[in-house]
C-alpha atoms as a PDB file:
ATOM      1  CA  MET A   1     -27.392 -27.792   5.358  1.00  0.00           C
ATOM      2  CA  ARG A   2     -25.471 -27.565   2.124  1.00  0.00           C
ATOM      3  CA  LEU A   3     -26.011 -23.678   1.890  1.00  0.00           C
ATOM      4  CA  ASN A   4     -24.909 -23.081   5.443  1.00  0.00           C
ATOM      5  CA  LEU A   5     -21.555 -25.401   4.460  1.00  0.00           C
ATOM      6  CA  ASN A   6     -21.282 -23.194   1.052  1.00  0.00           C
ATOM      7  CA  PHE A   7     -21.266 -20.214   3.220  1.00  0.00           C
ATOM      8  CA  LYS A   8     -18.871 -21.088   5.660  1.00  0.00           C
ATOM      9  CA  SER A   9     -16.623 -22.152   2.978  1.00  0.00           C
ATOM     10  CA  GLN A  10     -16.747 -19.098   1.083  1.00  0.00           C
ATOM     11  CA  ARG A  11     -16.923 -16.904   4.654  1.00  0.00           C
ATOM     12  CA  PHE A  12     -13.468 -19.092   5.311  1.00  0.00           C
ATOM     13  CA  PHE A  13     -11.853 -18.290   1.630  1.00  0.00           C
ATOM     14  CA  SER A  14     -12.478 -14.714   1.951  1.00  0.00           C
ATOM     15  CA  TRP A  15     -10.723 -14.399   4.661  1.00  0.00           C
ATOM     16  CA  LEU A  16      -8.000 -16.655   3.834  1.00  0.00           C
ATOM     17  CA  LEU A  17      -7.392 -14.321   0.839  1.00  0.00           C
ATOM     18  CA  LEU A  18      -7.733 -11.380   3.072  1.00  0.00           C
ATOM     19  CA  SER A  19      -4.691 -12.785   5.534  1.00  0.00           C
ATOM     20  CA  LEU A  20      -2.605 -13.804   2.721  1.00  0.00           C
ATOM     21  CA  LEU A  21      -2.994 -10.125   1.130  1.00  0.00           C
ATOM     22  CA  GLY A  22      -1.942  -8.861   4.689  1.00  0.00           C
ATOM     23  CA  LEU A  23       1.151 -11.178   4.610  1.00  0.00           C
ATOM     24  CA  ILE A  24       2.377 -10.510   1.434  1.00  0.00           C
ATOM     25  CA  TRP A  25       1.966  -6.482   1.788  1.00  0.00           C
ATOM     26  CA  GLY A  26       3.228  -6.544   5.546  1.00  0.00           C
ATOM     27  CA  SER A  27       6.536  -8.589   3.816  1.00  0.00           C
ATOM     28  CA  SER A  28       7.160  -5.783   1.490  1.00  0.00           C
ATOM     29  CA  PHE A  29       9.063  -3.433   3.676  1.00  0.00           C
ATOM     30  CA  LEU A  30      11.384  -6.491   4.422  1.00  0.00           C
ATOM     31  CA  SER A  31      11.827  -7.125   1.044  1.00  0.00           C
ATOM     32  CA  ILE A  32      12.558  -3.420   0.318  1.00  0.00           C
ATOM     33  CA  LYS A  33      15.202  -3.326   3.219  1.00  0.00           C
ATOM     34  CA  ILE A  34      16.796  -6.179   1.727  1.00  0.00           C
ATOM     35  CA  ALA A  35      16.996  -4.827  -1.857  1.00  0.00           C
ATOM     36  CA  LEU A  36      18.766  -1.985  -0.492  1.00  0.00           C
ATOM     37  CA  ILE A  37      21.700  -3.805  -0.014  1.00  0.00           C
ATOM     38  CA  SER A  38      22.521  -3.280  -3.740  1.00  0.00           C
ATOM     39  CA  PHE A  39      19.965  -1.186  -5.332  1.00  0.00           C
ATOM     40  CA  GLN A  40      18.901   2.456  -4.820  1.00  0.00           C
ATOM     41  CA  ALA A  41      15.290   3.354  -3.992  1.00  0.00           C
ATOM     42  CA  THR A  42      14.562   4.647  -7.496  1.00  0.00           C
ATOM     43  CA  GLN A  43      15.801   1.131  -9.168  1.00  0.00           C
ATOM     44  CA  ILE A  44      13.625  -0.937  -6.663  1.00  0.00           C
ATOM     45  CA  ALA A  45      10.526   1.252  -7.195  1.00  0.00           C
ATOM     46  CA  SER A  46      10.866   0.947 -10.907  1.00  0.00           C
ATOM     47  CA  LEU A  47      11.653  -2.534 -11.443  1.00  0.00           C
ATOM     48  CA  ARG A  48       8.841  -3.603  -8.798  1.00  0.00           C
ATOM     49  CA  ILE A  49       6.398  -1.943 -11.183  1.00  0.00           C
ATOM     50  CA  ILE A  50       8.012  -3.032 -14.127  1.00  0.00           C
ATOM     51  CA  ILE A  51       7.710  -6.990 -13.229  1.00  0.00           C
ATOM     52  CA  GLY A  52       4.254  -6.437 -11.449  1.00  0.00           C
ATOM     53  CA  SER A  53       2.964  -5.219 -15.015  1.00  0.00           C
ATOM     54  CA  LEU A  54       4.368  -7.908 -16.701  1.00  0.00           C
ATOM     55  CA  ILE A  55       2.610 -10.386 -14.113  1.00  0.00           C
ATOM     56  CA  LEU A  56      -0.796  -8.265 -14.523  1.00  0.00           C
ATOM     57  CA  SER A  57      -0.156  -8.715 -18.435  1.00  0.00           C
ATOM     58  CA  ILE A  58      -0.148 -12.423 -18.903  1.00  0.00           C
ATOM     59  CA  VAL A  59      -2.666 -12.964 -16.132  1.00  0.00           C
ATOM     60  CA  SER A  60      -4.983 -10.164 -18.041  1.00  0.00           C
ATOM     61  CA  LEU A  61      -4.290 -12.360 -21.464  1.00  0.00           C
ATOM     62  CA  PHE A  62      -4.765 -15.605 -19.821  1.00  0.00           C
ATOM     63  CA  PHE A  63      -8.268 -14.353 -19.067  1.00  0.00           C
ATOM     64  CA  ASN A  64      -8.793 -12.740 -22.416  1.00  0.00           C
ATOM     65  CA  ILE A  65      -8.407  -9.576 -21.610  1.00  0.00           C
ATOM     66  CA  ASN A  66      -6.857  -7.429 -24.484  1.00  0.00           C
ATOM     67  CA  VAL A  67      -4.536  -4.858 -22.463  1.00  0.00           C
ATOM     68  CA  PHE A  68      -3.657  -3.213 -25.674  1.00  0.00           C
ATOM     69  CA  ASN A  69      -7.196  -2.070 -26.184  1.00  0.00           C
ATOM     70  CA  TRP A  70      -6.544   1.441 -26.325  1.00  0.00           C
ATOM     71  CA  ARG A  71     -10.292   2.549 -27.100  1.00  0.00           C
ATOM     72  CA  LYS A  72     -11.317   3.596 -23.789  1.00  0.00           C
ATOM     73  CA  PRO A  73     -12.884   7.140 -22.719  1.00  0.00           C
ATOM     74  CA  ARG A  74     -10.404   9.846 -21.754  1.00  0.00           C
ATOM     75  CA  GLY A  75     -11.831   9.884 -18.145  1.00  0.00           C
ATOM     76  CA  TYR A  76     -10.867   6.020 -18.189  1.00  0.00           C
ATOM     77  CA  TRP A  77      -6.923   7.047 -19.015  1.00  0.00           C
ATOM     78  CA  ILE A  78      -6.867  10.146 -16.692  1.00  0.00           C
ATOM     79  CA  SER A  79      -8.151   7.833 -13.490  1.00  0.00           C
ATOM     80  CA  CYS A  80      -5.284   5.079 -15.090  1.00  0.00           C
ATOM     81  CA  LEU A  81      -2.535   7.858 -14.864  1.00  0.00           C
ATOM     82  CA  GLY A  82      -4.032   9.097 -11.431  1.00  0.00           C
ATOM     83  CA  VAL A  83      -3.470   5.707  -9.682  1.00  0.00           C
ATOM     84  CA  ALA A  84      -0.538   4.740 -11.524  1.00  0.00           C
ATOM     85  CA  PHE A  85       1.340   7.893  -9.757  1.00  0.00           C
ATOM     86  CA  LEU A  86      -0.431   8.262  -6.344  1.00  0.00           C
ATOM     87  CA  SER A  87      -0.793   4.509  -5.814  1.00  0.00           C
ATOM     88  CA  ASN A  88       2.341   3.106  -7.472  1.00  0.00           C
ATOM     89  CA  ALA A  89       5.116   5.101  -8.759  1.00  0.00           C
ATOM     90  CA  PHE A  90       5.054   8.054  -6.062  1.00  0.00           C
ATOM     91  CA  PRO A  91       4.338   6.030  -3.346  1.00  0.00           C
ATOM     92  CA  PHE A  92       6.618   3.015  -3.874  1.00  0.00           C
ATOM     93  CA  THR A  93       9.783   5.602  -4.257  1.00  0.00           C
ATOM     94  CA  LEU A  94       8.684   7.434  -1.244  1.00  0.00           C
ATOM     95  CA  LEU A  95       8.805   4.243   0.843  1.00  0.00           C
ATOM     96  CA  ALA A  96      11.635   2.978  -0.438  1.00  0.00           C
ATOM     97  CA  ILE A  97      13.833   6.119   0.078  1.00  0.00           C
ATOM     98  CA  ALA A  98      12.160   6.166   3.208  1.00  0.00           C
ATOM     99  CA  GLN A  99      13.653   2.729   4.404  1.00  0.00           C
ATOM    100  CA  GLU A 100      16.939   3.959   3.742  1.00  0.00           C
ATOM    101  CA  HIS A 101      17.009   5.718   6.802  1.00  0.00           C
ATOM    102  CA  LEU A 102      14.181   4.391   9.065  1.00  0.00           C
ATOM    103  CA  SER A 103      13.173   0.847  10.160  1.00  0.00           C
ATOM    104  CA  SER A 104      10.849  -1.263   8.613  1.00  0.00           C
ATOM    105  CA  VAL A 105       8.700  -1.326  11.764  1.00  0.00           C
ATOM    106  CA  PHE A 106       8.175   2.473  11.755  1.00  0.00           C
ATOM    107  CA  VAL A 107       7.605   2.673   7.957  1.00  0.00           C
ATOM    108  CA  GLY A 108       5.047  -0.144   8.207  1.00  0.00           C
ATOM    109  CA  LEU A 109       3.151   1.225  11.064  1.00  0.00           C
ATOM    110  CA  CYS A 110       2.372   4.676   9.502  1.00  0.00           C
ATOM    111  CA  MET A 111       0.933   2.655   6.297  1.00  0.00           C
ATOM    112  CA  ALA A 112      -1.828   1.804   8.854  1.00  0.00           C
ATOM    113  CA  THR A 113      -3.250   5.237   8.558  1.00  0.00           C
ATOM    114  CA  ILE A 114      -4.278   4.716   5.188  1.00  0.00           C
ATOM    115  CA  PRO A 115      -7.863   3.964   5.820  1.00  0.00           C
ATOM    116  CA  LEU A 116      -8.114   6.827   8.086  1.00  0.00           C
ATOM    117  CA  ILE A 117      -6.719   9.229   5.897  1.00  0.00           C
ATOM    118  CA  THR A 118      -8.844   7.636   3.043  1.00  0.00           C
ATOM    119  CA  LEU A 119     -12.064   8.179   5.071  1.00  0.00           C
ATOM    120  CA  LEU A 120     -11.106  11.895   5.913  1.00  0.00           C
ATOM    121  CA  LEU A 121     -10.021  12.717   2.248  1.00  0.00           C
ATOM    122  CA  THR A 122     -13.298  11.124   0.922  1.00  0.00           C
ATOM    123  CA  TYR A 123     -15.267  13.333   3.353  1.00  0.00           C
ATOM    124  CA  LEU A 124     -13.745  16.450   2.006  1.00  0.00           C
ATOM    125  CA  LEU A 125     -13.536  15.618  -1.767  1.00  0.00           C
ATOM    126  CA  LEU A 126     -16.652  13.569  -2.152  1.00  0.00           C
ATOM    127  CA  THR A 127     -20.117  15.834  -1.265  1.00  0.00           C
ATOM    128  CA  ASN A 128     -21.895  12.647  -1.352  1.00  0.00           C
ATOM    129  CA  GLU A 129     -20.229  10.865   1.806  1.00  0.00           C
ATOM    130  CA  GLN A 130     -21.190  11.643   5.288  1.00  0.00           C
ATOM    131  CA  ILE A 131     -19.484  11.607   8.224  1.00  0.00           C
ATOM    132  CA  THR A 132     -20.509  10.536  12.060  1.00  0.00           C
ATOM    133  CA  ILE A 133     -19.288  11.263  15.444  1.00  0.00           C
ATOM    134  CA  LYS A 134     -17.881   7.622  15.122  1.00  0.00           C
ATOM    135  CA  LYS A 135     -15.909   8.245  12.169  1.00  0.00           C
ATOM    136  CA  ILE A 136     -14.546  11.621  13.834  1.00  0.00           C
ATOM    137  CA  LEU A 137     -13.562   9.983  16.677  1.00  0.00           C
ATOM    138  CA  GLY A 138     -11.519   7.050  14.778  1.00  0.00           C
ATOM    139  CA  ILE A 139     -10.034   9.462  12.739  1.00  0.00           C
ATOM    140  CA  LEU A 140      -8.786  11.461  15.829  1.00  0.00           C
ATOM    141  CA  LEU A 141      -7.555   8.205  17.527  1.00  0.00           C
ATOM    142  CA  GLY A 142      -5.481   7.342  14.619  1.00  0.00           C
ATOM    143  CA  ILE A 143      -4.109  10.841  14.188  1.00  0.00           C
ATOM    144  CA  SER A 144      -3.054  10.803  17.708  1.00  0.00           C
ATOM    145  CA  GLY A 145      -1.692   7.471  17.488  1.00  0.00           C
ATOM    146  CA  THR A 146       0.560   8.390  14.162  1.00  0.00           C
ATOM    147  CA  ALA A 147       1.416  12.183  15.783  1.00  0.00           C
ATOM    148  CA  ILE A 148       3.037  10.123  18.821  1.00  0.00           C
ATOM    149  CA  LEU A 149       4.866   7.950  16.719  1.00  0.00           C
ATOM    150  CA  ILE A 150       6.339  10.646  14.545  1.00  0.00           C
ATOM    151  CA  MET A 151       7.128  13.157  17.654  1.00  0.00           C
ATOM    152  CA  SER A 152       8.791   9.956  19.222  1.00  0.00           C
ATOM    153  CA  ARG A 153      11.902  10.478  16.856  1.00  0.00           C
ATOM    154  CA  LYS A 154      14.937  11.833  18.535  1.00  0.00           C
ATOM    155  CA  GLY A 155      15.212  15.520  17.045  1.00  0.00           C
ATOM    156  CA  LEU A 156      12.089  16.050  15.653  1.00  0.00           C
ATOM    157  CA  MET A 157      10.712  18.738  17.696  1.00  0.00           C
ATOM    158  CA  ASN A 158      13.793  20.879  17.565  1.00  0.00           C
ATOM    159  CA  ASN A 159      14.261  20.861  13.788  1.00  0.00           C
ATOM    160  CA  PRO A 160      11.236  18.729  12.260  1.00  0.00           C
ATOM    161  CA  PHE A 161      12.271  20.010   8.471  1.00  0.00           C
ATOM    162  CA  SER A 162      16.164  18.651   8.640  1.00  0.00           C
ATOM    163  CA  LEU A 163      17.788  16.498   6.318  1.00  0.00           C
ATOM    164  CA  ALA A 164      17.681  13.410   8.931  1.00  0.00           C
ATOM    165  CA  ASN A 165      13.850  13.997   9.702  1.00  0.00           C
ATOM    166  CA  ILE A 166      12.851  14.389   6.095  1.00  0.00           C
ATOM    167  CA  TYR A 167      12.489  10.765   5.748  1.00  0.00           C
ATOM    168  CA  VAL A 168       9.922  11.065   8.573  1.00  0.00           C
ATOM    169  CA  TRP A 169       7.838  13.231   6.734  1.00  0.00           C
ATOM    170  CA  LEU A 170       8.097  11.018   3.077  1.00  0.00           C
ATOM    171  CA  CYS A 171       6.075   7.966   5.735  1.00  0.00           C
ATOM    172  CA  VAL A 172       3.430  10.547   5.623  1.00  0.00           C
ATOM    173  CA  LEU A 173       3.250  11.629   2.491  1.00  0.00           C
ATOM    174  CA  ALA A 174       2.975   8.080   1.034  1.00  0.00           C
ATOM    175  CA  PRO A 175      -0.371   7.250   2.925  1.00  0.00           C
ATOM    176  CA  PHE A 176      -1.811  10.513   1.358  1.00  0.00           C
ATOM    177  CA  CYS A 177      -1.143   9.478  -1.954  1.00  0.00           C
ATOM    178  CA  TYR A 178      -2.326   5.503  -1.511  1.00  0.00           C
ATOM    179  CA  ALA A 179      -5.302   7.523   0.108  1.00  0.00           C
ATOM    180  CA  MET A 180      -5.821   9.738  -3.053  1.00  0.00           C
ATOM    181  CA  GLY A 181      -5.379   6.879  -5.332  1.00  0.00           C
ATOM    182  CA  ALA A 182      -8.335   4.776  -3.603  1.00  0.00           C
ATOM    183  CA  ILE A 183     -10.495   7.926  -4.096  1.00  0.00           C
ATOM    184  CA  VAL A 184      -9.375   7.690  -7.946  1.00  0.00           C
ATOM    185  CA  ILE A 185     -10.360   4.365  -8.098  1.00  0.00           C
ATOM    186  CA  ARG A 186     -13.771   4.928  -6.102  1.00  0.00           C
ATOM    187  CA  LYS A 187     -14.866   7.487  -8.507  1.00  0.00           C
ATOM    188  CA  SER A 188     -13.697   5.832 -11.609  1.00  0.00           C
ATOM    189  CA  ASN A 189     -15.572   2.532 -10.872  1.00  0.00           C
ATOM    190  CA  PRO A 190     -13.839   0.159 -13.694  1.00  0.00           C
ATOM    191  CA  SER A 191     -16.223  -2.351 -15.391  1.00  0.00           C
ATOM    192  CA  ASP A 192     -13.464  -4.546 -14.836  1.00  0.00           C
ATOM    193  CA  TYR A 193     -10.789  -4.111 -12.180  1.00  0.00           C
ATOM    194  CA  LEU A 194      -8.490  -6.753 -13.695  1.00  0.00           C
ATOM    195  CA  GLU A 195      -8.206  -4.742 -16.934  1.00  0.00           C
ATOM    196  CA  PHE A 196      -7.919  -1.346 -14.826  1.00  0.00           C
ATOM    197  CA  SER A 197      -5.139  -2.458 -12.418  1.00  0.00           C
ATOM    198  CA  THR A 198      -3.271  -3.859 -15.525  1.00  0.00           C
ATOM    199  CA  HIS A 199      -3.497  -0.600 -17.156  1.00  0.00           C
ATOM    200  CA  CYS A 200      -2.557   1.529 -14.319  1.00  0.00           C
ATOM    201  CA  LEU A 201       0.726  -0.580 -13.857  1.00  0.00           C
ATOM    202  CA  LEU A 202       1.567  -0.460 -17.473  1.00  0.00           C
ATOM    203  CA  ILE A 203       1.277   3.411 -17.390  1.00  0.00           C
ATOM    204  CA  ALA A 204       3.350   3.632 -13.863  1.00  0.00           C
ATOM    205  CA  SER A 205       5.697   1.559 -15.775  1.00  0.00           C
ATOM    206  CA  LEU A 206       6.245   4.091 -18.307  1.00  0.00           C
ATOM    207  CA  ILE A 207       6.679   6.559 -15.660  1.00  0.00           C
ATOM    208  CA  CYS A 208       9.155   4.616 -13.787  1.00  0.00           C
ATOM    209  CA  ILE A 209      11.305   3.809 -17.076  1.00  0.00           C
ATOM    210  CA  PRO A 210      13.319   7.351 -17.191  1.00  0.00           C
ATOM    211  CA  ASN A 211      14.334   6.678 -13.329  1.00  0.00           C
ATOM    212  CA  LEU A 212      16.161   3.417 -14.479  1.00  0.00           C
ATOM    213  CA  ILE A 213      17.866   5.402 -17.163  1.00  0.00           C
ATOM    214  CA  PHE A 214      18.631   8.592 -15.954  1.00  0.00           C
ATOM    215  CA  LEU A 215      18.798   8.090 -12.044  1.00  0.00           C
ATOM    216  CA  GLY A 216      22.083   6.121 -11.143  1.00  0.00           C
ATOM    217  CA  SER A 217      23.439   2.950 -12.568  1.00  0.00           C
ATOM    218  CA  PHE A 218      23.097  -0.584 -11.566  1.00  0.00           C
ATOM    219  CA  PRO A 219      25.477  -2.427  -9.041  1.00  0.00           C
ATOM    220  CA  PRO A 220      28.196  -4.423 -10.910  1.00  0.00           C
ATOM    221  CA  ASN A 221      27.585  -6.984  -8.659  1.00  0.00           C
ATOM    222  CA  PRO A 222      24.389  -7.284  -6.827  1.00  0.00           C
ATOM    223  CA  ASN A 223      23.787  -9.156  -3.644  1.00  0.00           C
ATOM    224  CA  ILE A 224      21.847 -12.190  -4.608  1.00  0.00           C
ATOM    225  CA  LYS A 225      19.311 -11.543  -1.851  1.00  0.00           C
ATOM    226  CA  SER A 226      18.753  -7.919  -3.030  1.00  0.00           C
ATOM    227  CA  ILE A 227      17.838  -9.356  -6.433  1.00  0.00           C
ATOM    228  CA  LEU A 228      15.673 -12.376  -5.071  1.00  0.00           C
ATOM    229  CA  ALA A 229      14.057  -9.447  -3.033  1.00  0.00           C
ATOM    230  CA  ILE A 230      13.018  -7.176  -6.006  1.00  0.00           C
ATOM    231  CA  LEU A 231      11.834  -9.989  -7.974  1.00  0.00           C
ATOM    232  CA  TYR A 232       9.631 -10.992  -4.754  1.00  0.00           C
ATOM    233  CA  LEU A 233       8.609  -7.254  -4.598  1.00  0.00           C
ATOM    234  CA  GLY A 234       7.448  -7.706  -8.118  1.00  0.00           C
ATOM    235  CA  LEU A 235       5.991 -10.649  -8.269  1.00  0.00           C
ATOM    236  CA  PHE A 236       4.252 -10.922  -4.834  1.00  0.00           C
ATOM    237  CA  PRO A 237       3.544  -7.371  -3.181  1.00  0.00           C
ATOM    238  CA  THR A 238       2.936  -5.656  -6.558  1.00  0.00           C
ATOM    239  CA  GLY A 239       1.714  -8.705  -8.990  1.00  0.00           C
ATOM    240  CA  ILE A 240      -0.019 -11.061  -7.244  1.00  0.00           C
ATOM    241  CA  ALA A 241      -1.286  -8.786  -4.511  1.00  0.00           C
ATOM    242  CA  THR A 242      -3.299  -6.678  -6.838  1.00  0.00           C
ATOM    243  CA  ILE A 243      -4.829 -10.040  -8.358  1.00  0.00           C
ATOM    244  CA  ILE A 244      -5.886 -10.587  -4.820  1.00  0.00           C
ATOM    245  CA  LEU A 245      -7.207  -7.346  -4.300  1.00  0.00           C
ATOM    246  CA  VAL A 246      -8.976  -7.169  -7.439  1.00  0.00           C
ATOM    247  CA  THR A 247     -10.742 -10.536  -6.156  1.00  0.00           C
ATOM    248  CA  ILE A 248     -11.345  -9.351  -2.835  1.00  0.00           C
ATOM    249  CA  ILE A 249     -13.199  -6.047  -4.276  1.00  0.00           C
ATOM    250  CA  LYS A 250     -15.347  -8.075  -6.858  1.00  0.00           C
ATOM    251  CA  ASN A 251     -16.490 -10.543  -4.389  1.00  0.00           C
ATOM    252  CA  TYR A 252     -16.510  -9.004  -0.879  1.00  0.00           C
ATOM    253  CA  GLY A 253     -16.222  -5.123  -1.233  1.00  0.00           C
ATOM    254  CA  THR A 254     -13.985  -2.576  -0.391  1.00  0.00           C
ATOM    255  CA  ILE A 255     -15.178  -2.507   3.265  1.00  0.00           C
ATOM    256  CA  PHE A 256     -14.444  -5.598   3.891  1.00  0.00           C
ATOM    257  CA  LEU A 257     -10.685  -5.303   1.715  1.00  0.00           C
ATOM    258  CA  SER A 258     -10.046  -2.176   4.263  1.00  0.00           C
ATOM    259  CA  LEU A 259      -9.551  -4.697   7.139  1.00  0.00           C
ATOM    260  CA  VAL A 260      -6.542  -6.084   6.014  1.00  0.00           C
ATOM    261  CA  ASN A 261      -4.887  -2.652   7.449  1.00  0.00           C
ATOM    262  CA  PHE A 262      -4.863  -4.744  10.769  1.00  0.00           C
ATOM    263  CA  LYS A 263      -2.774  -6.858   9.173  1.00  0.00           C
ATOM    264  CA  VAL A 264      -0.253  -5.177   7.612  1.00  0.00           C
ATOM    265  CA  PRO A 265       1.400  -3.393  10.118  1.00  0.00           C
ATOM    266  CA  LEU A 266       1.634  -6.566  12.265  1.00  0.00           C
ATOM    267  CA  TRP A 267       3.565  -8.496   9.814  1.00  0.00           C
ATOM    268  CA  SER A 268       5.955  -5.538   9.166  1.00  0.00           C
ATOM    269  CA  THR A 269       6.370  -5.580  12.967  1.00  0.00           C
ATOM    270  CA  ILE A 270       7.060  -9.536  12.943  1.00  0.00           C
ATOM    271  CA  PHE A 271       9.257  -9.294  10.115  1.00  0.00           C
ATOM    272  CA  GLY A 272      11.415  -6.240  11.249  1.00  0.00           C
ATOM    273  CA  LEU A 273      11.826  -7.657  14.738  1.00  0.00           C
ATOM    274  CA  LEU A 274      12.488 -11.487  13.599  1.00  0.00           C
ATOM    275  CA  VAL A 275      14.431 -11.374  10.474  1.00  0.00           C
ATOM    276  CA  LEU A 276      16.141  -7.711  10.458  1.00  0.00           C
ATOM    277  CA  GLY A 277      16.488  -7.510  14.051  1.00  0.00           C
ATOM    278  CA  GLU A 278      14.938  -4.190  14.293  1.00  0.00           C
ATOM    279  CA  ASP A 279      14.419  -2.371  17.897  1.00  0.00           C
ATOM    280  CA  LEU A 280      10.614  -0.967  18.141  1.00  0.00           C
ATOM    281  CA  PRO A 281      10.397   2.830  17.887  1.00  0.00           C
ATOM    282  CA  ASN A 282       9.462   4.834  20.677  1.00  0.00           C
ATOM    283  CA  ASN A 283       5.927   4.898  21.796  1.00  0.00           C
ATOM    284  CA  PHE A 284       5.376   2.166  19.447  1.00  0.00           C
ATOM    285  CA  SER A 285       2.643   0.058  21.620  1.00  0.00           C
ATOM    286  CA  THR A 286       0.684   3.237  22.448  1.00  0.00           C
ATOM    287  CA  SER A 287       0.799   4.388  18.717  1.00  0.00           C
ATOM    288  CA  PHE A 288       0.005   0.709  17.623  1.00  0.00           C
ATOM    289  CA  ILE A 289      -2.761   0.548  19.864  1.00  0.00           C
ATOM    290  CA  LEU A 290      -4.601   3.898  19.005  1.00  0.00           C
ATOM    291  CA  ILE A 291      -3.768   3.900  15.348  1.00  0.00           C
ATOM    292  CA  LEU A 292      -5.406   0.069  15.422  1.00  0.00           C
ATOM    293  CA  ILE A 293      -8.232   1.102  17.963  1.00  0.00           C
ATOM    294  CA  GLY A 294      -9.070   4.265  15.309  1.00  0.00           C
ATOM    295  CA  ILE A 295      -9.141   2.008  12.449  1.00  0.00           C
ATOM    296  CA  LEU A 296     -11.643  -0.477  14.452  1.00  0.00           C
ATOM    297  CA  VAL A 297     -13.790   2.531  15.343  1.00  0.00           C
ATOM    298  CA  CYS A 298     -14.227   3.778  11.881  1.00  0.00           C
ATOM    299  CA  GLN A 299     -14.745  -0.107  10.724  1.00  0.00           C
ATOM    300  CA  MET A 300     -17.707  -0.619  13.171  1.00  0.00           C
ATOM    301  CA  GLU A 301     -19.171   2.573  11.859  1.00  0.00           C
ATOM    302  CA  ASN A 302     -19.091   1.573   8.166  1.00  0.00           C
ATOM    303  CA  ARG A 303     -20.412  -1.975   8.924  1.00  0.00           C
ATOM    304  CA  ASN A 304     -23.719  -0.245  10.336  1.00  0.00           C
ATOM    305  CA  ASP A 305     -23.838   2.235   7.684  1.00  0.00           C
END
């Protein structure tokens, strides 16, 4: 009976962490939109990374992890650099730029394709990964949903690479960056994910500092909501979310973690509709259903592997 109760409590805690992570990541699109009232996209991306790296550094020191221990193999630092660029600096900047022109609902739904792209790239880049009919079907469903969403944008079919439409393609490029970053993490397989994540964010901070110095100036009288939004982005979606991410990976595995992708677009849509008053993109329902069914099909296959 005690074992059963313990198992149920662990299962409840795992789903609680996953739901909290989905809520935090889903709220990031709302926060970016608010931060854009006063700050430039590059400033938002850079500041959230710097704040997040400070949070992780403090937590690491609390757990007696020496984040200033630079005596690591060269491959370790190459992996950190790859994750810093592909999972933090570059996609954060792309998404902030995209949200200057697109709704948070649209951008959030595009992010739901990350596990599908990760699966596809893993098969193409890692020779030990097998792909099955179910996985192919799931990927095709997800890609179809994304294509329907993207092609529903006005004027995209007539001039897909015009300045007005280039921001849509940034929403396509960002998931590819996240997927590549996930593959780098998978191949590196660090012994301590918290230490690895802290080093990645510290390197990402170094990458972003020139953006703050050379790209634009800070607003003289920034909106207080924008300041709070950036603090929230650094503290929660970047810092605390990484700690939750590490906890889930270490205790419940990456397959369980990938279920969070069902929750992120749901929360980004709820916040976009109720808080920002955004309209749903054209063909939203069809795209949303196809993408989530694609993830579900791939997830069912993973559970059977």
